[in-house]
Amino acid sequence: MAALGAAIAERVAAGDLIMLNGELGAGKTTLTRGLGEALGVRGAVTSPTFVLARTHPRENAAPLVHVDAYRLRSAVELDDLDLDFAGSIVVVEWGDGLLDGITDSWLRVDIERPHGGDDADEVEPRTVSITGVGPRWEGVSWDAPGH
């Protein structure tokens, strides 16, 4: 998931919004951590579960804003966070149904992980679907090697 985040980092810029969907443990924060590392953010990328949003600064570049929208009920509540969508790269976990009216374009990343298995130490493969929504992502291909 971190490698996928790094691959996405090669294509994003200020004003881009990335929505991550997947159950607990799917790898949403791991993907965001890989994105942040590839973008060169200062400090560690950790889950914003208890603060709703964390801003990760970058040297002379748009910051990465990481949002956990699990407890939000509407786009209005997301908008009330007063994020700088235009001047940041924003990742929203659990953002399904919350982005309409916030922006006209976003990258939707759906992550599925298998259940079960006997070996807790084994890395579980994920199935990832990446969909560009709106004019910003029209015609962009997402054939990430290994994903």
C-alpha atoms as a PDB file:
ATOM      1  CA  MET A   1       0.000   0.000   0.000  1.00  0.00           C
ATOM      2  CA  ALA A   2       2.890   2.358   0.723  1.00  0.00           C
ATOM      3  CA  ALA A   3       4.286   1.729  -2.776  1.00  0.00           C
ATOM      4  CA  LEU A   4       0.904   2.594  -4.273  1.00  0.00           C
ATOM      5  CA  GLY A   5       0.886   5.821  -2.254  1.00  0.00           C
ATOM      6  CA  ALA A   6       4.316   6.652  -3.687  1.00  0.00           C
ATOM      7  CA  ALA A   7       3.039   5.969  -7.219  1.00  0.00           C
ATOM      8  CA  ILE A   8       0.076   8.277  -6.655  1.00  0.00           C
ATOM      9  CA  ALA A   9       2.457  10.959  -5.333  1.00  0.00           C
ATOM     10  CA  GLU A  10       4.038  11.178  -8.795  1.00  0.00           C
ATOM     11  CA  ARG A  11       0.731  12.441 -10.232  1.00  0.00           C
ATOM     12  CA  VAL A  12      -0.727  14.789  -7.630  1.00  0.00           C
ATOM     13  CA  ALA A  13      -0.387  18.512  -7.060  1.00  0.00           C
ATOM     14  CA  ALA A  14      -1.931  21.288  -5.024  1.00  0.00           C
ATOM     15  CA  GLY A  15      -5.708  21.238  -5.377  1.00  0.00           C
ATOM     16  CA  ASP A  16      -5.943  17.470  -5.761  1.00  0.00           C
ATOM     17  CA  LEU A  17      -8.297  15.482  -3.558  1.00  0.00           C
ATOM     18  CA  ILE A  18      -7.906  11.751  -2.962  1.00  0.00           C
ATOM     19  CA  MET A  19     -10.706   9.747  -1.368  1.00  0.00           C
ATOM     20  CA  LEU A  20      -9.783   6.438   0.263  1.00  0.00           C
ATOM     21  CA  ASN A  21     -12.440   3.820   0.978  1.00  0.00           C
ATOM     22  CA  GLY A  22     -11.937   0.512   2.723  1.00  0.00           C
ATOM     23  CA  GLU A  23     -12.720  -1.164   5.989  1.00  0.00           C
ATOM     24  CA  LEU A  24     -10.569  -0.933   9.101  1.00  0.00           C
ATOM     25  CA  GLY A  25      -7.157  -2.403   8.403  1.00  0.00           C
ATOM     26  CA  ALA A  26      -7.481  -2.113   4.632  1.00  0.00           C
ATOM     27  CA  GLY A  27      -4.370   0.058   4.355  1.00  0.00           C
ATOM     28  CA  LYS A  28      -5.735   3.584   3.964  1.00  0.00           C
ATOM     29  CA  THR A  29      -3.284   5.150   6.395  1.00  0.00           C
ATOM     30  CA  THR A  30      -0.402   3.024   5.064  1.00  0.00           C
ATOM     31  CA  LEU A  31      -1.165   4.308   1.551  1.00  0.00           C
ATOM     32  CA  THR A  32      -1.252   7.877   2.882  1.00  0.00           C
ATOM     33  CA  ARG A  33       2.046   7.314   4.711  1.00  0.00           C
ATOM     34  CA  GLY A  34       3.653   6.169   1.432  1.00  0.00           C
ATOM     35  CA  LEU A  35       2.187   9.197  -0.334  1.00  0.00           C
ATOM     36  CA  GLY A  36       3.550  11.512   2.351  1.00  0.00           C
ATOM     37  CA  GLU A  37       7.015   9.963   2.307  1.00  0.00           C
ATOM     38  CA  ALA A  38       7.195  10.249  -1.485  1.00  0.00           C
ATOM     39  CA  LEU A  39       6.053  13.878  -1.298  1.00  0.00           C
ATOM     40  CA  GLY A  40       8.699  14.622   1.339  1.00  0.00           C
ATOM     41  CA  VAL A  41       6.426  15.743   4.168  1.00  0.00           C
ATOM     42  CA  ARG A  42       8.035  16.694   7.461  1.00  0.00           C
ATOM     43  CA  GLY A  43       7.365  14.236  10.268  1.00  0.00           C
ATOM     44  CA  ALA A  44       5.483  10.976  10.346  1.00  0.00           C
ATOM     45  CA  VAL A  45       2.074  10.496   8.740  1.00  0.00           C
ATOM     46  CA  THR A  46      -0.240   9.005  11.357  1.00  0.00           C
ATOM     47  CA  SER A  47      -3.957   8.400  11.476  1.00  0.00           C
ATOM     48  CA  PRO A  48      -5.981  11.559  12.168  1.00  0.00           C
ATOM     49  CA  THR A  49      -8.777   9.549  13.810  1.00  0.00           C
ATOM     50  CA  PHE A  50      -9.016  11.627  16.980  1.00  0.00           C
ATOM     51  CA  VAL A  51      -8.254  15.051  15.494  1.00  0.00           C
ATOM     52  CA  LEU A  52     -10.201  14.604  12.204  1.00  0.00           C
ATOM     53  CA  ALA A  53      -7.483  16.300  10.113  1.00  0.00           C
ATOM     54  CA  ARG A  54      -3.702  16.618  10.203  1.00  0.00           C
ATOM     55  CA  THR A  55      -1.639  18.940   8.059  1.00  0.00           C
ATOM     56  CA  HIS A  56       1.789  17.653   7.056  1.00  0.00           C
ATOM     57  CA  PRO A  57       3.992  20.521   5.808  1.00  0.00           C
ATOM     58  CA  ARG A  58       6.420  20.217   2.921  1.00  0.00           C
ATOM     59  CA  GLU A  59       9.423  22.368   2.097  1.00  0.00           C
ATOM     60  CA  ASN A  60       8.368  24.988  -0.508  1.00  0.00           C
ATOM     61  CA  ALA A  61       5.392  22.919  -1.688  1.00  0.00           C
ATOM     62  CA  ALA A  62       1.708  22.356  -1.010  1.00  0.00           C
ATOM     63  CA  PRO A  63       1.114  20.549   2.283  1.00  0.00           C
ATOM     64  CA  LEU A  64      -0.503  17.138   2.569  1.00  0.00           C
ATOM     65  CA  VAL A  65      -3.750  17.249   4.561  1.00  0.00           C
ATOM     66  CA  HIS A  66      -4.941  13.888   5.892  1.00  0.00           C
ATOM     67  CA  VAL A  67      -8.601  13.699   6.962  1.00  0.00           C
ATOM     68  CA  ASP A  68     -10.437  10.911   8.771  1.00  0.00           C
ATOM     69  CA  ALA A  69     -14.093  11.539   7.889  1.00  0.00           C
ATOM     70  CA  TYR A  70     -15.455   8.453   9.658  1.00  0.00           C
ATOM     71  CA  ARG A  71     -17.380  10.547  12.199  1.00  0.00           C
ATOM     72  CA  LEU A  72     -18.572  13.144   9.682  1.00  0.00           C
ATOM     73  CA  ARG A  73     -22.129  12.873   8.423  1.00  0.00           C
ATOM     74  CA  SER A  74     -22.199  15.294   5.494  1.00  0.00           C
ATOM     75  CA  ALA A  75     -20.236  17.397   3.035  1.00  0.00           C
ATOM     76  CA  VAL A  76     -21.180  20.417   5.160  1.00  0.00           C
ATOM     77  CA  GLU A  77     -19.292  18.950   8.132  1.00  0.00           C
ATOM     78  CA  LEU A  78     -16.281  18.269   5.906  1.00  0.00           C
ATOM     79  CA  ASP A  79     -16.437  21.833   4.605  1.00  0.00           C
ATOM     80  CA  ASP A  80     -16.688  23.104   8.204  1.00  0.00           C
ATOM     81  CA  LEU A  81     -13.155  21.796   8.818  1.00  0.00           C
ATOM     82  CA  ASP A  82     -12.095  24.865   6.784  1.00  0.00           C
ATOM     83  CA  LEU A  83      -9.406  23.033   4.843  1.00  0.00           C
ATOM     84  CA  ASP A  84      -7.413  24.728   2.099  1.00  0.00           C
ATOM     85  CA  PHE A  85      -8.489  22.361  -0.678  1.00  0.00           C
ATOM     86  CA  ALA A  86      -7.055  24.572  -3.436  1.00  0.00           C
ATOM     87  CA  GLY A  87      -3.644  25.003  -1.828  1.00  0.00           C
ATOM     88  CA  SER A  88      -3.130  21.480  -0.475  1.00  0.00           C
ATOM     89  CA  ILE A  89      -3.087  17.850  -1.491  1.00  0.00           C
ATOM     90  CA  VAL A  90      -5.983  16.439   0.535  1.00  0.00           C
ATOM     91  CA  VAL A  91      -6.534  12.768   1.388  1.00  0.00           C
ATOM     92  CA  VAL A  92      -9.936  11.911   2.869  1.00  0.00           C
ATOM     93  CA  GLU A  93     -10.399   8.495   4.458  1.00  0.00           C
ATOM     94  CA  TRP A  94     -14.029   7.329   4.693  1.00  0.00           C
ATOM     95  CA  GLY A  95     -15.099  10.108   2.318  1.00  0.00           C
ATOM     96  CA  ASP A  96     -17.733   8.237   0.337  1.00  0.00           C
ATOM     97  CA  GLY A  97     -20.726  10.539  -0.196  1.00  0.00           C
ATOM     98  CA  LEU A  98     -19.001  13.583   1.322  1.00  0.00           C
ATOM     99  CA  LEU A  99     -17.224  15.156  -1.654  1.00  0.00           C
ATOM    100  CA  ASP A 100     -20.065  16.360  -3.868  1.00  0.00           C
ATOM    101  CA  GLY A 101     -20.107  20.135  -3.704  1.00  0.00           C
ATOM    102  CA  ILE A 102     -16.614  20.272  -2.182  1.00  0.00           C
ATOM    103  CA  THR A 103     -14.870  19.887  -5.539  1.00  0.00           C
ATOM    104  CA  ASP A 104     -15.669  18.770  -9.075  1.00  0.00           C
ATOM    105  CA  SER A 105     -12.748  16.307  -9.308  1.00  0.00           C
ATOM    106  CA  TRP A 106     -11.196  13.696  -7.069  1.00  0.00           C
ATOM    107  CA  LEU A 107      -9.319  10.447  -7.201  1.00  0.00           C
ATOM    108  CA  ARG A 108     -11.300   7.575  -5.681  1.00  0.00           C
ATOM    109  CA  VAL A 109      -9.282   4.668  -4.272  1.00  0.00           C
ATOM    110  CA  ASP A 110     -11.275   1.639  -3.098  1.00  0.00           C
ATOM    111  CA  ILE A 111      -9.309  -0.954  -1.134  1.00  0.00           C
ATOM    112  CA  GLU A 112     -10.500  -4.470  -0.380  1.00  0.00           C
ATOM    113  CA  ARG A 113      -8.598  -6.907   1.757  1.00  0.00           C
ATOM    114  CA  PRO A 114      -9.231 -10.621   2.193  1.00  0.00           C
ATOM    115  CA  HIS A 115     -10.588 -12.039   5.425  1.00  0.00           C
ATOM    116  CA  GLY A 116      -9.434 -15.092   7.283  1.00  0.00           C
ATOM    117  CA  GLY A 117      -6.185 -16.935   6.885  1.00  0.00           C
ATOM    118  CA  ASP A 118      -4.177 -18.797   9.472  1.00  0.00           C
ATOM    119  CA  ASP A 119      -0.902 -16.879   9.407  1.00  0.00           C
ATOM    120  CA  ALA A 120      -1.248 -13.488  11.105  1.00  0.00           C
ATOM    121  CA  ASP A 121       2.296 -12.559  10.000  1.00  0.00           C
ATOM    122  CA  GLU A 122       1.556 -13.108   6.323  1.00  0.00           C
ATOM    123  CA  VAL A 123       1.040  -9.960   4.260  1.00  0.00           C
ATOM    124  CA  GLU A 124      -2.487 -10.002   2.905  1.00  0.00           C
ATOM    125  CA  PRO A 125      -2.847  -8.946  -0.725  1.00  0.00           C
ATOM    126  CA  ARG A 126      -5.242  -6.100  -1.426  1.00  0.00           C
ATOM    127  CA  THR A 127      -7.503  -5.476  -4.375  1.00  0.00           C
ATOM    128  CA  VAL A 128      -7.391  -1.811  -5.287  1.00  0.00           C
ATOM    129  CA  SER A 129      -9.600   0.076  -7.697  1.00  0.00           C
ATOM    130  CA  ILE A 130      -8.600   3.619  -8.686  1.00  0.00           C
ATOM    131  CA  THR A 131     -11.169   5.812 -10.398  1.00  0.00           C
ATOM    132  CA  GLY A 132     -10.738   9.385 -11.512  1.00  0.00           C
ATOM    133  CA  VAL A 133     -13.838  11.527 -11.007  1.00  0.00           C
ATOM    134  CA  GLY A 134     -14.291  14.818 -12.841  1.00  0.00           C
ATOM    135  CA  PRO A 135     -12.296  16.790 -15.397  1.00  0.00           C
ATOM    136  CA  ARG A 136      -8.972  16.766 -13.519  1.00  0.00           C
ATOM    137  CA  TRP A 137      -8.655  12.981 -13.871  1.00  0.00           C
ATOM    138  CA  GLU A 138     -10.263  12.547 -17.290  1.00  0.00           C
ATOM    139  CA  GLY A 139      -8.081  10.323 -19.461  1.00  0.00           C
ATOM    140  CA  VAL A 140      -5.549   9.545 -16.720  1.00  0.00           C
ATOM    141  CA  SER A 141      -4.521   5.884 -16.663  1.00  0.00           C
ATOM    142  CA  TRP A 142      -3.775   4.153 -13.365  1.00  0.00           C
ATOM    143  CA  ASP A 143      -1.815   1.045 -14.164  1.00  0.00           C
ATOM    144  CA  ALA A 144       0.378   0.903 -11.077  1.00  0.00           C
ATOM    145  CA  PRO A 145       2.873  -1.999 -11.304  1.00  0.00           C
ATOM    146  CA  GLY A 146       2.203  -4.649  -8.691  1.00  0.00           C
ATOM    147  CA  HIS A 147      -1.277  -3.335  -7.863  1.00  0.00           C
END
